[in-house]
Amino acid sequence: IPIVTVDGGGHSDDIGYRIDGDAYALPPIDLTSAEFGVLSLAAQFWQ
């Protein structure tokens, strides 16, 4: 998970943190019927 440190000007209290959204984002989800079926089946275990 890409946590980025941002220097706010040298003072330690001004240092900030964020997560690089472009690096962290997943590509569009496009599941086949079989892949979705397997996920549905797995979910039935967690009752």
All heavy atoms as atom14 arrays in JSON, in Angstrom:
{
  "sequence": "IPIVTVDGGGHSDDIGYRIDGDAYALPPIDLTSAEFGVLSLAAQFWQ",
  "atom14_mask": [
    [1, 1, 1, 1, 1, 1, 1, 1, 0, 0, 0, 0, 0, 0],
    [1, 1, 1, 1, 1, 1, 1, 0, 0, 0, 0, 0, 0, 0],
    [1, 1, 1, 1, 1, 1, 1, 1, 0, 0, 0, 0, 0, 0],
    [1, 1, 1, 1, 1, 1, 1, 0, 0, 0, 0, 0, 0, 0],
    [1, 1, 1, 1, 1, 1, 1, 0, 0, 0, 0, 0, 0, 0],
    [1, 1, 1, 1, 1, 1, 1, 0, 0, 0, 0, 0, 0, 0],
    [1, 1, 1, 1, 1, 1, 1, 1, 0, 0, 0, 0, 0, 0],
    [1, 1, 1, 1, 0, 0, 0, 0, 0, 0, 0, 0, 0, 0],
    [1, 1, 1, 1, 0, 0, 0, 0, 0, 0, 0, 0, 0, 0],
    [1, 1, 1, 1, 0, 0, 0, 0, 0, 0, 0, 0, 0, 0],
    [1, 1, 1, 1, 1, 1, 1, 1, 1, 1, 0, 0, 0, 0],
    [1, 1, 1, 1, 1, 1, 0, 0, 0, 0, 0, 0, 0, 0],
    [1, 1, 1, 1, 1, 1, 1, 1, 0, 0, 0, 0, 0, 0],
    [1, 1, 1, 1, 1, 1, 1, 1, 0, 0, 0, 0, 0, 0],
    [1, 1, 1, 1, 1, 1, 1, 1, 0, 0, 0, 0, 0, 0],
    [1, 1, 1, 1, 0, 0, 0, 0, 0, 0, 0, 0, 0, 0],
    [1, 1, 1, 1, 1, 1, 1, 1, 1, 1, 1, 1, 0, 0],
    [1, 1, 1, 1, 1, 1, 1, 1, 1, 1, 1, 0, 0, 0],
    [1, 1, 1, 1, 1, 1, 1, 1, 0, 0, 0, 0, 0, 0],
    [1, 1, 1, 1, 1, 1, 1, 1, 0, 0, 0, 0, 0, 0],
    [1, 1, 1, 1, 0, 0, 0, 0, 0, 0, 0, 0, 0, 0],
    [1, 1, 1, 1, 1, 1, 1, 1, 0, 0, 0, 0, 0, 0],
    [1, 1, 1, 1, 1, 0, 0, 0, 0, 0, 0, 0, 0, 0],
    [1, 1, 1, 1, 1, 1, 1, 1, 1, 1, 1, 1, 0, 0],
    [1, 1, 1, 1, 1, 0, 0, 0, 0, 0, 0, 0, 0, 0],
    [1, 1, 1, 1, 1, 1, 1, 1, 0, 0, 0, 0, 0, 0],
    [1, 1, 1, 1, 1, 1, 1, 0, 0, 0, 0, 0, 0, 0],
    [1, 1, 1, 1, 1, 1, 1, 0, 0, 0, 0, 0, 0, 0],
    [1, 1, 1, 1, 1, 1, 1, 1, 0, 0, 0, 0, 0, 0],
    [1, 1, 1, 1, 1, 1, 1, 1, 0, 0, 0, 0, 0, 0],
    [1, 1, 1, 1, 1, 1, 1, 1, 0, 0, 0, 0, 0, 0],
    [1, 1, 1, 1, 1, 1, 1, 0, 0, 0, 0, 0, 0, 0],
    [1, 1, 1, 1, 1, 1, 0, 0, 0, 0, 0, 0, 0, 0],
    [1, 1, 1, 1, 1, 0, 0, 0, 0, 0, 0, 0, 0, 0],
    [1, 1, 1, 1, 1, 1, 1, 1, 1, 0, 0, 0, 0, 0],
    [1, 1, 1, 1, 1, 1, 1, 1, 1, 1, 1, 0, 0, 0],
    [1, 1, 1, 1, 0, 0, 0, 0, 0, 0, 0, 0, 0, 0],
    [1, 1, 1, 1, 1, 1, 1, 0, 0, 0, 0, 0, 0, 0],
    [1, 1, 1, 1, 1, 1, 1, 1, 0, 0, 0, 0, 0, 0],
    [1, 1, 1, 1, 1, 1, 0, 0, 0, 0, 0, 0, 0, 0],
    [1, 1, 1, 1, 1, 1, 1, 1, 0, 0, 0, 0, 0, 0],
    [1, 1, 1, 1, 1, 0, 0, 0, 0, 0, 0, 0, 0, 0],
    [1, 1, 1, 1, 1, 0, 0, 0, 0, 0, 0, 0, 0, 0],
    [1, 1, 1, 1, 1, 1, 1, 1, 1, 0, 0, 0, 0, 0],
    [1, 1, 1, 1, 1, 1, 1, 1, 1, 1, 1, 0, 0, 0],
    [1, 1, 1, 1, 1, 1, 1, 1, 1, 1, 1, 1, 1, 1],
    [1, 1, 1, 1, 1, 1, 1, 1, 1, 0, 0, 0, 0, 0]
  ],
  "atom14_positions": [
    [[0.86, -1.18, 0.0], [0.0, 0.0, 0.0], [0.9, 1.23, 0.0], [1.65, 1.45, 0.96], [-0.95, 0.0, 1.21], [-1.89, -1.21, 1.13], [-1.76, 1.29, 1.28], [-2.81, -1.36, 2.32], [0.0, 0.0, 0.0], [0.0, 0.0, 0.0], [0.0, 0.0, 0.0], [0.0, 0.0, 0.0], [0.0, 0.0, 0.0], [0.0, 0.0, 0.0]],
    [[0.86, 2.04, -1.06], [1.85, 3.11, -1.26], [1.59, 4.35, -0.43], [0.94, 5.3, -0.86], [1.73, 3.41, -2.76], [0.3, 3.08, -3.08], [-0.08, 1.93, -2.18], [0.0, 0.0, 0.0], [0.0, 0.0, 0.0], [0.0, 0.0, 0.0], [0.0, 0.0, 0.0], [0.0, 0.0, 0.0], [0.0, 0.0, 0.0], [0.0, 0.0, 0.0]],
    [[2.13, 4.39, 0.8], [2.02, 5.58, 1.64], [3.13, 6.56, 1.24], [4.31, 6.21, 1.22], [2.15, 5.22, 3.12], [0.97, 4.35, 3.55], [2.22, 6.47, 3.98], [0.99, 3.99, 5.02], [0.0, 0.0, 0.0], [0.0, 0.0, 0.0], [0.0, 0.0, 0.0], [0.0, 0.0, 0.0], [0.0, 0.0, 0.0], [0.0, 0.0, 0.0]],
    [[2.73, 7.77, 0.91], [3.66, 8.8, 0.47], [3.86, 9.8, 1.59], [2.91, 10.27, 2.22], [3.12, 9.52, -0.79], [4.06, 10.62, -1.22], [2.92, 8.51, -1.92], [0.0, 0.0, 0.0], [0.0, 0.0, 0.0], [0.0, 0.0, 0.0], [0.0, 0.0, 0.0], [0.0, 0.0, 0.0], [0.0, 0.0, 0.0], [0.0, 0.0, 0.0]],
    [[5.13, 10.16, 1.87], [5.47, 11.18, 2.86], [5.68, 12.5, 2.15], [6.45, 12.59, 1.19], [6.74, 10.79, 3.63], [6.55, 9.52, 4.25], [7.07, 11.82, 4.7], [0.0, 0.0, 0.0], [0.0, 0.0, 0.0], [0.0, 0.0, 0.0], [0.0, 0.0, 0.0], [0.0, 0.0, 0.0], [0.0, 0.0, 0.0], [0.0, 0.0, 0.0]],
    [[5.0, 13.55, 2.62], [5.07, 14.86, 1.99], [5.7, 15.84, 2.98], [5.17, 16.05, 4.08], [3.66, 15.36, 1.58], [3.76, 16.73, 0.91], [3.0, 14.35, 0.66], [0.0, 0.0, 0.0], [0.0, 0.0, 0.0], [0.0, 0.0, 0.0], [0.0, 0.0, 0.0], [0.0, 0.0, 0.0], [0.0, 0.0, 0.0], [0.0, 0.0, 0.0]],
    [[6.84, 16.4, 2.6], [7.55, 17.36, 3.45], [6.83, 18.7, 3.4], [6.69, 19.3, 2.34], [8.99, 17.5, 2.97], [9.85, 18.29, 3.96], [9.28, 18.98, 4.81], [11.1, 18.18, 3.88], [0.0, 0.0, 0.0], [0.0, 0.0, 0.0], [0.0, 0.0, 0.0], [0.0, 0.0, 0.0], [0.0, 0.0, 0.0], [0.0, 0.0, 0.0]],
    [[6.4, 19.17, 4.56], [5.66, 20.42, 4.6], [6.5, 21.65, 4.79], [5.98, 22.72, 5.07], [0.0, 0.0, 0.0], [0.0, 0.0, 0.0], [0.0, 0.0, 0.0], [0.0, 0.0, 0.0], [0.0, 0.0, 0.0], [0.0, 0.0, 0.0], [0.0, 0.0, 0.0], [0.0, 0.0, 0.0], [0.0, 0.0, 0.0], [0.0, 0.0, 0.0]],
    [[7.84, 21.54, 4.71], [8.68, 22.74, 4.84], [9.8, 22.59, 5.84], [10.44, 23.57, 6.19], [0.0, 0.0, 0.0], [0.0, 0.0, 0.0], [0.0, 0.0, 0.0], [0.0, 0.0, 0.0], [0.0, 0.0, 0.0], [0.0, 0.0, 0.0], [0.0, 0.0, 0.0], [0.0, 0.0, 0.0], [0.0, 0.0, 0.0], [0.0, 0.0, 0.0]],
    [[10.03, 21.37, 6.31], [11.17, 21.15, 7.17], [10.83, 20.88, 8.62], [11.58, 20.2, 9.32], [0.0, 0.0, 0.0], [0.0, 0.0, 0.0], [0.0, 0.0, 0.0], [0.0, 0.0, 0.0], [0.0, 0.0, 0.0], [0.0, 0.0, 0.0], [0.0, 0.0, 0.0], [0.0, 0.0, 0.0], [0.0, 0.0, 0.0], [0.0, 0.0, 0.0]],
    [[9.73, 21.41, 9.11], [9.34, 21.17, 10.5], [8.65, 19.83, 10.61], [7.77, 19.5, 9.81], [8.39, 22.28, 10.97], [8.25, 22.35, 12.46], [7.43, 21.5, 13.16], [8.84, 23.15, 13.38], [7.5, 21.77, 14.46], [8.36, 22.78, 14.62], [0.0, 0.0, 0.0], [0.0, 0.0, 0.0], [0.0, 0.0, 0.0], [0.0, 0.0, 0.0]],
    [[9.03, 19.03, 11.6], [8.51, 17.66, 11.71], [7.0, 17.64, 11.86], [6.32, 16.71, 11.41], [9.17, 16.93, 12.89], [8.89, 17.6, 14.11], [0.0, 0.0, 0.0], [0.0, 0.0, 0.0], [0.0, 0.0, 0.0], [0.0, 0.0, 0.0], [0.0, 0.0, 0.0], [0.0, 0.0, 0.0], [0.0, 0.0, 0.0], [0.0, 0.0, 0.0]],
    [[6.44, 18.69, 12.51], [4.99, 18.71, 12.71], [4.23, 18.94, 11.41], [3.03, 18.74, 11.34], [4.63, 19.81, 13.71], [5.08, 19.47, 15.13], [5.32, 18.27, 15.38], [5.2, 20.38, 15.95], [0.0, 0.0, 0.0], [0.0, 0.0, 0.0], [0.0, 0.0, 0.0], [0.0, 0.0, 0.0], [0.0, 0.0, 0.0], [0.0, 0.0, 0.0]],
    [[4.93, 19.44, 10.38], [4.28, 19.74, 9.11], [4.36, 18.6, 8.1], [3.79, 18.69, 7.02], [4.9, 20.99, 8.48], [4.65, 22.23, 9.33], [3.59, 22.27, 9.99], [5.51, 23.13, 9.32], [0.0, 0.0, 0.0], [0.0, 0.0, 0.0], [0.0, 0.0, 0.0], [0.0, 0.0, 0.0], [0.0, 0.0, 0.0], [0.0, 0.0, 0.0]],
    [[5.09, 17.53, 8.43], [5.19, 16.4, 7.52], [3.83, 15.71, 7.43], [3.18, 15.44, 8.44], [6.26, 15.39, 8.0], [7.65, 16.04, 7.91], [6.22, 14.11, 7.17], [8.76, 15.17, 8.45], [0.0, 0.0, 0.0], [0.0, 0.0, 0.0], [0.0, 0.0, 0.0], [0.0, 0.0, 0.0], [0.0, 0.0, 0.0], [0.0, 0.0, 0.0]],
    [[3.39, 15.46, 6.19], [2.09, 14.85, 5.99], [2.19, 13.5, 5.31], [3.24, 13.13, 4.78], [0.0, 0.0, 0.0], [0.0, 0.0, 0.0], [0.0, 0.0, 0.0], [0.0, 0.0, 0.0], [0.0, 0.0, 0.0], [0.0, 0.0, 0.0], [0.0, 0.0, 0.0], [0.0, 0.0, 0.0], [0.0, 0.0, 0.0], [0.0, 0.0, 0.0]],
    [[1.06, 12.79, 5.32], [1.01, 11.45, 4.74], [-0.26, 11.31, 3.91], [-1.32, 11.85, 4.25], [1.03, 10.39, 5.85], [2.25, 10.46, 6.72], [2.26, 11.26, 7.86], [3.4, 9.75, 6.39], [3.39, 11.35, 8.67], [4.53, 9.83, 7.19], [4.52, 10.63, 8.33], [5.65, 10.71, 9.1], [0.0, 0.0, 0.0], [0.0, 0.0, 0.0]],
    [[-0.12, 10.62, 2.81], [-1.27, 10.29, 1.98], [-0.97, 8.98, 1.25], [0.15, 8.49, 1.27], [-1.57, 11.4, 0.98], [-0.46, 11.62, -0.05], [-0.8, 12.75, -1.0], [0.26, 12.99, -1.96], [0.44, 12.32, -3.09], [-0.41, 11.33, -3.41], [1.43, 12.59, -3.91], [0.0, 0.0, 0.0], [0.0, 0.0, 0.0], [0.0, 0.0, 0.0]],
    [[-1.98, 8.43, 0.61], [-1.8, 7.22, -0.2], [-1.96, 7.6, -1.66], [-2.93, 8.28, -2.03], [-2.81, 6.13, 0.19], [-2.45, 5.55, 1.57], [-2.87, 5.01, -0.85], [-3.42, 4.52, 2.09], [0.0, 0.0, 0.0], [0.0, 0.0, 0.0], [0.0, 0.0, 0.0], [0.0, 0.0, 0.0], [0.0, 0.0, 0.0], [0.0, 0.0, 0.0]],
    [[-0.99, 7.21, -2.46], [-1.01, 7.5, -3.89], [-2.2, 6.77, -4.52], [-2.17, 5.55, -4.7], [0.3, 7.06, -4.52], [0.4, 7.47, -5.98], [-0.63, 7.78, -6.59], [1.52, 7.47, -6.52], [0.0, 0.0, 0.0], [0.0, 0.0, 0.0], [0.0, 0.0, 0.0], [0.0, 0.0, 0.0], [0.0, 0.0, 0.0], [0.0, 0.0, 0.0]],
    [[-3.24, 7.51, -4.84], [-4.46, 6.91, -5.37], [-4.26, 6.18, -6.67], [-4.83, 5.1, -6.89], [0.0, 0.0, 0.0], [0.0, 0.0, 0.0], [0.0, 0.0, 0.0], [0.0, 0.0, 0.0], [0.0, 0.0, 0.0], [0.0, 0.0, 0.0], [0.0, 0.0, 0.0], [0.0, 0.0, 0.0], [0.0, 0.0, 0.0], [0.0, 0.0, 0.0]],
    [[-3.44, 6.74, -7.57], [-3.21, 6.1, -8.86], [-2.51, 4.76, -8.7], [-2.81, 3.79, -9.39], [-2.39, 7.01, -9.77], [-3.17, 8.26, -10.18], [-4.41, 8.18, -10.17], [-2.53, 9.27, -10.49], [0.0, 0.0, 0.0], [0.0, 0.0, 0.0], [0.0, 0.0, 0.0], [0.0, 0.0, 0.0], [0.0, 0.0, 0.0], [0.0, 0.0, 0.0]],
    [[-1.55, 4.7, -7.77], [-0.8, 3.46, -7.57], [-1.62, 2.43, -6.8], [-1.41, 1.23, -6.94], [0.51, 3.74, -6.81], [0.0, 0.0, 0.0], [0.0, 0.0, 0.0], [0.0, 0.0, 0.0], [0.0, 0.0, 0.0], [0.0, 0.0, 0.0], [0.0, 0.0, 0.0], [0.0, 0.0, 0.0], [0.0, 0.0, 0.0], [0.0, 0.0, 0.0]],
    [[-2.56, 2.92, -5.98], [-3.34, 2.02, -5.12], [-4.6, 1.52, -5.79], [-5.12, 0.46, -5.45], [-3.7, 2.75, -3.83], [-4.44, 1.91, -2.81], [-3.88, 0.76, -2.29], [-5.71, 2.29, -2.38], [-4.55, 0.01, -1.35], [-6.39, 1.54, -1.44], [-5.81, 0.39, -0.93], [-6.48, -0.35, -0.01], [0.0, 0.0, 0.0], [0.0, 0.0, 0.0]],
    [[-5.12, 2.27, -6.77], [-6.41, 1.92, -7.37], [-6.33, 0.62, -8.14], [-5.31, 0.3, -8.77], [-6.86, 3.04, -8.31], [0.0, 0.0, 0.0], [0.0, 0.0, 0.0], [0.0, 0.0, 0.0], [0.0, 0.0, 0.0], [0.0, 0.0, 0.0], [0.0, 0.0, 0.0], [0.0, 0.0, 0.0], [0.0, 0.0, 0.0], [0.0, 0.0, 0.0]],
    [[-7.4, -0.15, -8.06], [-7.49, -1.4, -8.81], [-8.04, -1.11, -10.21], [-8.78, -0.15, -10.41], [-8.44, -2.37, -8.1], [-7.97, -2.94, -6.78], [-9.1, -3.73, -6.14], [-6.74, -3.82, -6.96], [0.0, 0.0, 0.0], [0.0, 0.0, 0.0], [0.0, 0.0, 0.0], [0.0, 0.0, 0.0], [0.0, 0.0, 0.0], [0.0, 0.0, 0.0]],
    [[-7.68, -1.93, -11.18], [-8.29, -1.77, -12.5], [-9.77, -2.13, -12.44], [-10.23, -2.73, -11.47], [-7.51, -2.79, -13.36], [-7.03, -3.81, -12.38], [-6.73, -3.05, -11.12], [0.0, 0.0, 0.0], [0.0, 0.0, 0.0], [0.0, 0.0, 0.0], [0.0, 0.0, 0.0], [0.0, 0.0, 0.0], [0.0, 0.0, 0.0], [0.0, 0.0, 0.0]],
    [[-10.55, -1.76, -13.45], [-11.97, -2.11, -13.46], [-12.18, -3.61, -13.29], [-11.44, -4.41, -13.86], [-12.44, -1.63, -14.84], [-11.47, -0.57, -15.23], [-10.15, -1.0, -14.65], [0.0, 0.0, 0.0], [0.0, 0.0, 0.0], [0.0, 0.0, 0.0], [0.0, 0.0, 0.0], [0.0, 0.0, 0.0], [0.0, 0.0, 0.0], [0.0, 0.0, 0.0]],
    [[-13.16, -3.97, -12.46], [-13.44, -5.38, -12.2], [-14.38, -5.92, -13.27], [-15.47, -5.4, -13.47], [-14.07, -5.56, -10.8], [-13.08, -5.09, -9.72], [-14.46, -7.01, -10.56], [-13.65, -5.12, -8.32], [0.0, 0.0, 0.0], [0.0, 0.0, 0.0], [0.0, 0.0, 0.0], [0.0, 0.0, 0.0], [0.0, 0.0, 0.0], [0.0, 0.0, 0.0]],
    [[-13.93, -6.95, -13.95], [-14.74, -7.56, -15.0], [-14.66, -9.07, -14.84], [-13.78, -9.73, -15.39], [-14.22, -7.12, -16.38], [-15.12, -7.65, -17.51], [-16.25, -8.07, -17.2], [-14.67, -7.65, -18.67], [0.0, 0.0, 0.0], [0.0, 0.0, 0.0], [0.0, 0.0, 0.0], [0.0, 0.0, 0.0], [0.0, 0.0, 0.0], [0.0, 0.0, 0.0]],
    [[-15.56, -9.62, -14.04], [-15.53, -11.04, -13.73], [-16.34, -11.84, -14.74], [-17.4, -11.41, -15.18], [-16.1, -11.3, -12.33], [-15.38, -10.63, -11.16], [-16.11, -10.92, -9.87], [-13.94, -11.14, -11.06], [0.0, 0.0, 0.0], [0.0, 0.0, 0.0], [0.0, 0.0, 0.0], [0.0, 0.0, 0.0], [0.0, 0.0, 0.0], [0.0, 0.0, 0.0]],
    [[-15.82, -13.01, -15.09], [-16.59, -13.94, -15.9], [-17.65, -14.6, -15.01], [-17.59, -14.51, -13.78], [-15.7, -15.02, -16.5], [-15.16, -15.83, -15.43], [-14.55, -14.4, -17.29], [0.0, 0.0, 0.0], [0.0, 0.0, 0.0], [0.0, 0.0, 0.0], [0.0, 0.0, 0.0], [0.0, 0.0, 0.0], [0.0, 0.0, 0.0], [0.0, 0.0, 0.0]],
    [[-18.58, -15.28, -15.64], [-19.62, -15.98, -14.87], [-18.98, -17.01, -13.94], [-19.39, -17.15, -12.79], [-20.59, -16.68, -15.83], [-21.29, -15.73, -16.59], [0.0, 0.0, 0.0], [0.0, 0.0, 0.0], [0.0, 0.0, 0.0], [0.0, 0.0, 0.0], [0.0, 0.0, 0.0], [0.0, 0.0, 0.0], [0.0, 0.0, 0.0], [0.0, 0.0, 0.0]],
    [[-17.98, -17.72, -14.44], [-17.34, -18.75, -13.62], [-16.62, -18.13, -12.43], [-16.7, -18.64, -11.3], [-16.37, -19.55, -14.46], [0.0, 0.0, 0.0], [0.0, 0.0, 0.0], [0.0, 0.0, 0.0], [0.0, 0.0, 0.0], [0.0, 0.0, 0.0], [0.0, 0.0, 0.0], [0.0, 0.0, 0.0], [0.0, 0.0, 0.0], [0.0, 0.0, 0.0]],
    [[-15.91, -17.01, -12.65], [-15.18, -16.37, -11.56], [-16.14, -15.83, -10.5], [-15.92, -15.99, -9.3], [-14.32, -15.23, -12.12], [-13.15, -15.72, -12.95], [-12.5, -14.61, -13.74], [-13.16, -13.57, -13.97], [-11.33, -14.76, -14.14], [0.0, 0.0, 0.0], [0.0, 0.0, 0.0], [0.0, 0.0, 0.0], [0.0, 0.0, 0.0], [0.0, 0.0, 0.0]],
    [[-17.24, -15.21, -10.95], [-18.21, -14.7, -9.99], [-18.87, -15.85, -9.25], [-19.16, -15.77, -8.06], [-19.26, -13.85, -10.7], [-20.11, -13.06, -9.75], [-19.73, -11.79, -9.37], [-21.28, -13.59, -9.23], [-20.5, -11.06, -8.49], [-22.06, -12.87, -8.34], [-21.67, -11.59, -7.97], [0.0, 0.0, 0.0], [0.0, 0.0, 0.0], [0.0, 0.0, 0.0]],
    [[-19.11, -16.94, -9.95], [-19.72, -18.11, -9.31], [-18.85, -18.66, -8.21], [-19.34, -19.04, -7.14], [0.0, 0.0, 0.0], [0.0, 0.0, 0.0], [0.0, 0.0, 0.0], [0.0, 0.0, 0.0], [0.0, 0.0, 0.0], [0.0, 0.0, 0.0], [0.0, 0.0, 0.0], [0.0, 0.0, 0.0], [0.0, 0.0, 0.0], [0.0, 0.0, 0.0]],
    [[-17.54, -18.71, -8.45], [-16.62, -19.21, -7.42], [-16.64, -18.3, -6.2], [-16.65, -18.77, -5.05], [-15.2, -19.33, -8.0], [-14.19, -19.62, -6.88], [-15.14, -20.45, -9.04], [0.0, 0.0, 0.0], [0.0, 0.0, 0.0], [0.0, 0.0, 0.0], [0.0, 0.0, 0.0], [0.0, 0.0, 0.0], [0.0, 0.0, 0.0], [0.0, 0.0, 0.0]],
    [[-16.66, -16.98, -6.41], [-16.74, -16.06, -5.28], [-18.05, -16.23, -4.52], [-18.07, -16.2, -3.29], [-16.62, -14.62, -5.79], [-15.24, -14.17, -6.27], [-15.31, -12.77, -6.84], [-14.23, -14.23, -5.13], [0.0, 0.0, 0.0], [0.0, 0.0, 0.0], [0.0, 0.0, 0.0], [0.0, 0.0, 0.0], [0.0, 0.0, 0.0], [0.0, 0.0, 0.0]],
    [[-19.14, -16.42, -5.24], [-20.43, -16.64, -4.59], [-20.41, -17.91, -3.76], [-20.93, -17.97, -2.64], [-21.55, -16.72, -5.64], [-21.64, -15.53, -6.37], [0.0, 0.0, 0.0], [0.0, 0.0, 0.0], [0.0, 0.0, 0.0], [0.0, 0.0, 0.0], [0.0, 0.0, 0.0], [0.0, 0.0, 0.0], [0.0, 0.0, 0.0], [0.0, 0.0, 0.0]],
    [[-19.8, -18.94, -4.32], [-19.7, -20.21, -3.61], [-18.87, -20.06, -2.34], [-19.25, -20.53, -1.27], [-19.06, -21.26, -4.52], [-18.8, -22.64, -3.91], [-20.11, -23.29, -3.53], [-18.04, -23.51, -4.89], [0.0, 0.0, 0.0], [0.0, 0.0, 0.0], [0.0, 0.0, 0.0], [0.0, 0.0, 0.0], [0.0, 0.0, 0.0], [0.0, 0.0, 0.0]],
    [[-17.74, -19.35, -2.45], [-16.89, -19.16, -1.28], [-17.62, -18.39, -0.2], [-17.51, -18.7, 1.0], [-15.61, -18.42, -1.69], [0.0, 0.0, 0.0], [0.0, 0.0, 0.0], [0.0, 0.0, 0.0], [0.0, 0.0, 0.0], [0.0, 0.0, 0.0], [0.0, 0.0, 0.0], [0.0, 0.0, 0.0], [0.0, 0.0, 0.0], [0.0, 0.0, 0.0]],
    [[-18.4, -17.4, -0.6], [-19.11, -16.58, 0.38], [-20.11, -17.39, 1.18], [-20.43, -17.05, 2.32], [-19.81, -15.42, -0.31], [0.0, 0.0, 0.0], [0.0, 0.0, 0.0], [0.0, 0.0, 0.0], [0.0, 0.0, 0.0], [0.0, 0.0, 0.0], [0.0, 0.0, 0.0], [0.0, 0.0, 0.0], [0.0, 0.0, 0.0], [0.0, 0.0, 0.0]],
    [[-20.61, -18.48, 0.59], [-21.6, -19.29, 1.29], [-21.0, -20.02, 2.49], [-21.71, -20.48, 3.38], [-22.22, -20.3, 0.33], [-23.07, -19.65, -0.75], [-23.66, -20.68, -1.69], [-24.31, -21.61, -1.28], [-23.4, -20.51, -2.99], [0.0, 0.0, 0.0], [0.0, 0.0, 0.0], [0.0, 0.0, 0.0], [0.0, 0.0, 0.0], [0.0, 0.0, 0.0]],
    [[-19.66, -20.12, 2.53], [-19.02, -20.75, 3.68], [-19.1, -19.86, 4.92], [-19.12, -20.33, 6.04], [-17.55, -21.04, 3.39], [-17.34, -22.33, 2.67], [-17.09, -22.35, 1.31], [-17.39, -23.54, 3.34], [-16.88, -23.54, 0.64], [-17.18, -24.73, 2.69], [-16.93, -24.73, 1.33], [0.0, 0.0, 0.0], [0.0, 0.0, 0.0], [0.0, 0.0, 0.0]],
    [[-19.1, -18.53, 4.71], [-18.97, -17.64, 5.85], [-20.35, -17.32, 6.43], [-20.87, -16.24, 6.25], [-18.25, -16.37, 5.42], [-17.05, -16.64, 4.58], [-16.77, -16.12, 3.37], [-15.96, -17.52, 4.89], [-15.57, -16.61, 2.91], [-15.05, -17.47, 3.81], [-15.65, -18.35, 5.98], [-13.87, -18.21, 3.78], [-14.48, -19.09, 5.95], [-13.61, -19.01, 4.88]],
    [[-20.89, -18.27, 7.14], [-22.25, -18.12, 7.63], [-22.32, -17.75, 9.1], [-23.39, -17.49, 9.62], [-23.05, -19.41, 7.4], [-23.34, -19.68, 5.93], [-24.07, -18.55, 5.26], [-25.1, -18.1, 5.74], [-23.53, -18.05, 4.17], [0.0, 0.0, 0.0], [0.0, 0.0, 0.0], [0.0, 0.0, 0.0], [0.0, 0.0, 0.0], [0.0, 0.0, 0.0]]
  ]
}
